[in-house]
Amino acid sequence: QVEEELKAAWAQQEGQLREMGRRERLLRSDLQRAGEQLESFKARVMQACSPSAPASTGKSVTEQQVIEKVRQISDENQQSQEREKSLQKELSSRLTKEKEVSADIEVFKNSLQKLQ
């Protein structure tokens, strides 16, 4: 009877080990697929950030490169916004001066007409 119990316990342990092995293979497969998806995503981000770059150089893109590229684009965007604000102020200032000059010209024309 003890031998039968040991055989049953052994069979149960073997079943559990096989199940653990199956789960490990699935996890490894999922991990590999996730790694491939990450590499694909990083490559697509870099391609989107640098359209002039070749689509695939065969080299793996590091997360740091992606972060640096996104940071660079963010900085460029902020600089563009600041430049736009500066140009808007300059345009507003020029429009104000133009209105003042137009008003001065009208006054001058009126003065000339009165003199004539």
N, C-alpha and C. Protein backbone atom coordinates (compact mmCIF):
# COMPACT_ATOMS: atom_id res chain seq x y z
N GLN A 1 0.83 -1.20 0.00
CA GLN A 1 0.00 0.00 0.00
C GLN A 1 0.87 1.26 0.00
N VAL A 2 1.94 1.27 0.77
CA VAL A 2 2.87 2.40 0.83
C VAL A 2 3.49 2.61 -0.54
N GLU A 3 3.82 1.50 -1.20
CA GLU A 3 4.41 1.59 -2.53
C GLU A 3 3.43 2.22 -3.51
N GLU A 4 2.19 1.85 -3.43
CA GLU A 4 1.16 2.42 -4.30
C GLU A 4 0.99 3.92 -4.03
N GLU A 5 1.02 4.30 -2.75
CA GLU A 5 0.90 5.72 -2.40
C GLU A 5 2.09 6.50 -2.93
N LEU A 6 3.29 5.90 -2.82
CA LEU A 6 4.49 6.56 -3.33
C LEU A 6 4.41 6.72 -4.85
N LYS A 7 3.94 5.67 -5.54
CA LYS A 7 3.80 5.75 -7.00
C LYS A 7 2.81 6.84 -7.38
N ALA A 8 1.69 6.91 -6.64
CA ALA A 8 0.67 7.93 -6.92
C ALA A 8 1.24 9.33 -6.67
N ALA A 9 1.97 9.50 -5.57
CA ALA A 9 2.59 10.80 -5.26
C ALA A 9 3.61 11.16 -6.33
N TRP A 10 4.38 10.15 -6.75
CA TRP A 10 5.41 10.37 -7.79
C TRP A 10 4.74 10.79 -9.10
N ALA A 11 3.67 10.12 -9.47
CA ALA A 11 2.94 10.45 -10.69
C ALA A 11 2.37 11.87 -10.60
N GLN A 12 1.87 12.21 -9.43
CA GLN A 12 1.31 13.55 -9.24
C GLN A 12 2.42 14.60 -9.37
N GLN A 13 3.60 14.33 -8.78
CA GLN A 13 4.74 15.25 -8.87
C GLN A 13 5.18 15.40 -10.33
N GLU A 14 5.22 14.28 -11.06
CA GLU A 14 5.62 14.34 -12.47
C GLU A 14 4.64 15.20 -13.26
N GLY A 15 3.36 15.04 -12.99
CA GLY A 15 2.34 15.85 -13.66
C GLY A 15 2.51 17.33 -13.37
N GLN A 16 2.80 17.63 -12.11
CA GLN A 16 3.00 19.03 -11.73
C GLN A 16 4.26 19.59 -12.41
N LEU A 17 5.32 18.79 -12.49
CA LEU A 17 6.55 19.24 -13.14
C LEU A 17 6.33 19.48 -14.62
N ARG A 18 5.57 18.58 -15.26
CA ARG A 18 5.26 18.78 -16.68
C ARG A 18 4.46 20.06 -16.88
N GLU A 19 3.50 20.30 -16.01
CA GLU A 19 2.67 21.52 -16.10
C GLU A 19 3.54 22.76 -15.88
N MET A 20 4.46 22.70 -14.93
CA MET A 20 5.35 23.83 -14.68
C MET A 20 6.25 24.06 -15.90
N GLY A 21 6.72 23.01 -16.50
CA GLY A 21 7.54 23.13 -17.71
C GLY A 21 6.76 23.76 -18.85
N ARG A 22 5.51 23.34 -19.01
CA ARG A 22 4.65 23.91 -20.05
C ARG A 22 4.44 25.41 -19.81
N ARG A 23 4.15 25.76 -18.57
CA ARG A 23 3.95 27.17 -18.24
C ARG A 23 5.22 27.99 -18.47
N GLU A 24 6.36 27.40 -18.13
CA GLU A 24 7.63 28.11 -18.34
C GLU A 24 7.86 28.36 -19.83
N ARG A 25 7.58 27.35 -20.67
CA ARG A 25 7.74 27.53 -22.11
C ARG A 25 6.81 28.63 -22.63
N LEU A 26 5.57 28.63 -22.14
CA LEU A 26 4.63 29.68 -22.55
C LEU A 26 5.12 31.06 -22.12
N LEU A 27 5.61 31.15 -20.88
CA LEU A 27 6.11 32.43 -20.39
C LEU A 27 7.31 32.91 -21.20
N ARG A 28 8.21 32.00 -21.53
CA ARG A 28 9.38 32.36 -22.34
C ARG A 28 8.94 32.84 -23.72
N SER A 29 7.96 32.16 -24.28
CA SER A 29 7.44 32.55 -25.59
C SER A 29 6.81 33.94 -25.52
N ASP A 30 6.01 34.18 -24.48
CA ASP A 30 5.38 35.49 -24.30
C ASP A 30 6.43 36.57 -24.10
N LEU A 31 7.46 36.26 -23.33
CA LEU A 31 8.53 37.22 -23.07
C LEU A 31 9.27 37.56 -24.37
N GLN A 32 9.55 36.56 -25.17
CA GLN A 32 10.24 36.80 -26.43
C GLN A 32 9.37 37.65 -27.36
N ARG A 33 8.09 37.33 -27.43
CA ARG A 33 7.17 38.09 -28.27
C ARG A 33 7.09 39.55 -27.79
N ALA A 34 7.03 39.74 -26.47
CA ALA A 34 6.98 41.10 -25.91
C ALA A 34 8.26 41.87 -26.25
N GLY A 35 9.40 41.19 -26.18
CA GLY A 35 10.66 41.84 -26.54
C GLY A 35 10.68 42.25 -28.00
N GLU A 36 10.17 41.40 -28.87
CA GLU A 36 10.11 41.72 -30.29
C GLU A 36 9.17 42.89 -30.53
N GLN A 37 8.05 42.91 -29.83
CA GLN A 37 7.11 44.03 -29.98
C GLN A 37 7.73 45.33 -29.51
N LEU A 38 8.50 45.28 -28.41
CA LEU A 38 9.16 46.47 -27.90
C LEU A 38 10.16 47.00 -28.92
N GLU A 39 10.95 46.10 -29.50
CA GLU A 39 11.93 46.53 -30.50
C GLU A 39 11.23 47.14 -31.71
N SER A 40 10.14 46.55 -32.11
CA SER A 40 9.38 47.07 -33.25
C SER A 40 8.83 48.46 -32.92
N PHE A 41 8.30 48.59 -31.70
CA PHE A 41 7.75 49.88 -31.27
C PHE A 41 8.84 50.94 -31.24
N LYS A 42 9.99 50.61 -30.67
CA LYS A 42 11.09 51.59 -30.59
C LYS A 42 11.53 52.00 -31.99
N ALA A 43 11.62 51.03 -32.89
CA ALA A 43 12.02 51.34 -34.26
C ALA A 43 10.99 52.25 -34.93
N ARG A 44 9.70 52.00 -34.69
CA ARG A 44 8.66 52.83 -35.29
C ARG A 44 8.69 54.24 -34.71
N VAL A 45 8.95 54.36 -33.40
CA VAL A 45 9.05 55.68 -32.78
C VAL A 45 10.21 56.45 -33.39
N MET A 46 11.34 55.78 -33.53
CA MET A 46 12.51 56.46 -34.10
C MET A 46 12.24 56.85 -35.55
N GLN A 47 11.55 55.98 -36.30
CA GLN A 47 11.22 56.29 -37.68
C GLN A 47 10.28 57.49 -37.75
N ALA A 48 9.31 57.53 -36.84
CA ALA A 48 8.37 58.65 -36.81
C ALA A 48 9.08 59.95 -36.42
N CYS A 49 10.06 59.83 -35.51
CA CYS A 49 10.79 61.01 -35.05
C CYS A 49 11.80 61.49 -36.07
N SER A 50 12.32 60.58 -36.87
CA SER A 50 13.33 60.92 -37.88
C SER A 50 12.93 60.30 -39.21
N PRO A 51 11.98 60.91 -39.90
CA PRO A 51 11.49 60.31 -41.15
C PRO A 51 12.58 60.14 -42.20
N SER A 52 13.65 60.93 -42.11
CA SER A 52 14.71 60.83 -43.10
C SER A 52 15.62 59.65 -42.83
N ALA A 53 15.52 59.07 -41.62
CA ALA A 53 16.37 57.92 -41.29
C ALA A 53 15.89 56.69 -42.03
N PRO A 54 16.81 55.75 -42.33
CA PRO A 54 16.38 54.52 -43.00
C PRO A 54 15.38 53.76 -42.13
N ALA A 55 14.46 53.07 -42.77
CA ALA A 55 13.40 52.37 -42.03
C ALA A 55 13.97 51.34 -41.07
N SER A 56 14.95 50.60 -41.50
CA SER A 56 15.51 49.57 -40.61
C SER A 56 16.97 49.40 -40.93
N THR A 57 17.80 49.69 -39.95
CA THR A 57 19.23 49.55 -40.15
C THR A 57 19.73 48.20 -39.65
N GLY A 58 18.82 47.43 -39.07
CA GLY A 58 19.22 46.13 -38.53
C GLY A 58 19.77 46.25 -37.12
N LYS A 59 20.01 47.49 -36.68
CA LYS A 59 20.52 47.68 -35.33
C LYS A 59 19.36 47.90 -34.38
N SER A 60 19.51 47.42 -33.18
CA SER A 60 18.48 47.59 -32.16
C SER A 60 18.53 49.01 -31.62
N VAL A 61 17.37 49.60 -31.47
CA VAL A 61 17.26 50.96 -30.93
C VAL A 61 17.13 50.85 -29.42
N THR A 62 17.95 51.60 -28.70
CA THR A 62 17.89 51.53 -27.24
C THR A 62 16.78 52.45 -26.73
N GLU A 63 16.30 52.14 -25.56
CA GLU A 63 15.27 52.99 -24.94
C GLU A 63 15.81 54.40 -24.73
N GLN A 64 17.10 54.50 -24.39
CA GLN A 64 17.71 55.81 -24.17
C GLN A 64 17.68 56.64 -25.45
N GLN A 65 17.92 56.00 -26.61
CA GLN A 65 17.87 56.72 -27.87
C GLN A 65 16.46 57.24 -28.14
N VAL A 66 15.47 56.41 -27.86
CA VAL A 66 14.08 56.83 -28.06
C VAL A 66 13.77 58.00 -27.14
N ILE A 67 14.15 57.89 -25.87
CA ILE A 67 13.89 58.96 -24.90
C ILE A 67 14.58 60.25 -25.34
N GLU A 68 15.84 60.15 -25.77
CA GLU A 68 16.56 61.34 -26.20
C GLU A 68 15.90 61.99 -27.41
N LYS A 69 15.44 61.16 -28.35
CA LYS A 69 14.80 61.69 -29.56
C LYS A 69 13.49 62.38 -29.20
N VAL A 70 12.69 61.76 -28.34
CA VAL A 70 11.43 62.36 -27.92
C VAL A 70 11.69 63.67 -27.17
N ARG A 71 12.72 63.67 -26.31
CA ARG A 71 13.09 64.89 -25.57
C ARG A 71 13.53 65.98 -26.55
N GLN A 72 14.31 65.60 -27.56
CA GLN A 72 14.78 66.57 -28.55
C GLN A 72 13.59 67.18 -29.29
N ILE A 73 12.65 66.34 -29.69
CA ILE A 73 11.47 66.85 -30.40
C ILE A 73 10.65 67.75 -29.49
N SER A 74 10.53 67.39 -28.23
CA SER A 74 9.80 68.21 -27.27
C SER A 74 10.47 69.57 -27.12
N ASP A 75 11.80 69.57 -27.00
CA ASP A 75 12.54 70.84 -26.88
C ASP A 75 12.35 71.70 -28.13
N GLU A 76 12.43 71.06 -29.31
CA GLU A 76 12.25 71.80 -30.56
C GLU A 76 10.84 72.38 -30.63
N ASN A 77 9.87 71.62 -30.17
CA ASN A 77 8.48 72.09 -30.16
C ASN A 77 8.34 73.31 -29.25
N GLN A 78 8.95 73.24 -28.07
CA GLN A 78 8.87 74.36 -27.13
C GLN A 78 9.55 75.60 -27.73
N GLN A 79 10.71 75.40 -28.38
CA GLN A 79 11.40 76.53 -29.00
C GLN A 79 10.54 77.14 -30.11
N SER A 80 9.88 76.28 -30.87
CA SER A 80 9.00 76.78 -31.94
C SER A 80 7.85 77.59 -31.37
N GLN A 81 7.29 77.12 -30.27
CA GLN A 81 6.18 77.85 -29.64
C GLN A 81 6.66 79.21 -29.13
N GLU A 82 7.85 79.23 -28.52
CA GLU A 82 8.40 80.50 -28.03
C GLU A 82 8.68 81.45 -29.19
N ARG A 83 9.19 80.91 -30.29
CA ARG A 83 9.46 81.73 -31.48
C ARG A 83 8.15 82.28 -32.05
N GLU A 84 7.12 81.43 -32.07
CA GLU A 84 5.81 81.87 -32.56
C GLU A 84 5.28 83.02 -31.70
N LYS A 85 5.39 82.89 -30.37
CA LYS A 85 4.93 83.97 -29.48
C LYS A 85 5.69 85.26 -29.76
N SER A 86 7.01 85.11 -29.94
CA SER A 86 7.85 86.28 -30.21
C SER A 86 7.43 86.94 -31.53
N LEU A 87 7.19 86.14 -32.55
CA LEU A 87 6.77 86.68 -33.83
C LEU A 87 5.39 87.33 -33.75
N GLN A 88 4.50 86.73 -32.95
CA GLN A 88 3.17 87.32 -32.76
C GLN A 88 3.29 88.70 -32.10
N LYS A 89 4.17 88.81 -31.09
CA LYS A 89 4.37 90.10 -30.43
C LYS A 89 4.94 91.12 -31.41
N GLU A 90 5.92 90.68 -32.19
CA GLU A 90 6.53 91.57 -33.17
C GLU A 90 5.50 92.03 -34.20
N LEU A 91 4.68 91.10 -34.67
CA LEU A 91 3.63 91.44 -35.64
C LEU A 91 2.64 92.42 -35.04
N SER A 92 2.24 92.17 -33.82
CA SER A 92 1.30 93.07 -33.14
C SER A 92 1.91 94.45 -33.00
N SER A 93 3.18 94.50 -32.63
CA SER A 93 3.85 95.79 -32.49
C SER A 93 3.91 96.53 -33.82
N ARG A 94 4.23 95.81 -34.89
CA ARG A 94 4.31 96.44 -36.22
C ARG A 94 2.93 96.92 -36.67
N LEU A 95 1.89 96.14 -36.39
CA LEU A 95 0.54 96.56 -36.76
C LEU A 95 0.15 97.83 -36.01
N THR A 96 0.51 97.89 -34.74
CA THR A 96 0.23 99.09 -33.95
C THR A 96 0.95 100.30 -34.53
N LYS A 97 2.24 100.11 -34.87
CA LYS A 97 3.01 101.21 -35.47
C LYS A 97 2.42 101.63 -36.81
N GLU A 98 1.98 100.63 -37.60
CA GLU A 98 1.39 100.93 -38.90
C GLU A 98 0.11 101.75 -38.73
N LYS A 99 -0.68 101.41 -37.73
CA LYS A 99 -1.90 102.18 -37.47
C LYS A 99 -1.56 103.61 -37.07
N GLU A 100 -0.51 103.74 -36.24
CA GLU A 100 -0.09 105.08 -35.81
C GLU A 100 0.39 105.90 -37.00
N VAL A 101 1.17 105.26 -37.87
CA VAL A 101 1.68 105.97 -39.05
C VAL A 101 0.53 106.35 -39.96
N SER A 102 -0.42 105.43 -40.14
CA SER A 102 -1.60 105.74 -40.97
C SER A 102 -2.37 106.92 -40.40
N ALA A 103 -2.52 106.92 -39.08
CA ALA A 103 -3.23 108.03 -38.44
C ALA A 103 -2.45 109.33 -38.64
N ASP A 104 -1.13 109.28 -38.49
CA ASP A 104 -0.30 110.48 -38.70
C ASP A 104 -0.41 110.97 -40.14
N ILE A 105 -0.45 110.02 -41.09
CA ILE A 105 -0.57 110.40 -42.51
C ILE A 105 -1.91 111.10 -42.75
N GLU A 106 -2.95 110.59 -42.14
CA GLU A 106 -4.28 111.21 -42.28
C GLU A 106 -4.25 112.63 -41.72
N VAL A 107 -3.65 112.81 -40.57
CA VAL A 107 -3.54 114.15 -39.98
C VAL A 107 -2.76 115.06 -40.91
N PHE A 108 -1.65 114.53 -41.46
CA PHE A 108 -0.81 115.31 -42.38
C PHE A 108 -1.60 115.68 -43.63
N LYS A 109 -2.37 114.72 -44.19
CA LYS A 109 -3.17 115.00 -45.40
C LYS A 109 -4.21 116.09 -45.11
N ASN A 110 -4.85 115.97 -43.96
CA ASN A 110 -5.86 116.96 -43.58
C ASN A 110 -5.22 118.33 -43.42
N SER A 111 -4.05 118.35 -42.81
CA SER A 111 -3.34 119.63 -42.64
C SER A 111 -2.97 120.22 -44.00
N LEU A 112 -2.51 119.37 -44.93
CA LEU A 112 -2.15 119.86 -46.27
C LEU A 112 -3.37 120.41 -47.00
N GLN A 113 -4.49 119.70 -46.88
CA GLN A 113 -5.71 120.16 -47.54
C GLN A 113 -6.17 121.53 -46.98
N LYS A 114 -6.01 121.68 -45.68
CA LYS A 114 -6.40 122.95 -45.08
C LYS A 114 -5.51 124.07 -45.53
N LEU A 115 -4.20 123.74 -45.71
CA LEU A 115 -3.26 124.75 -46.16
C LEU A 115 -3.52 125.16 -47.60
N GLN A 116 -3.99 124.22 -48.41
CA GLN A 116 -4.24 124.53 -49.81
C GLN A 116 -5.51 125.33 -49.90
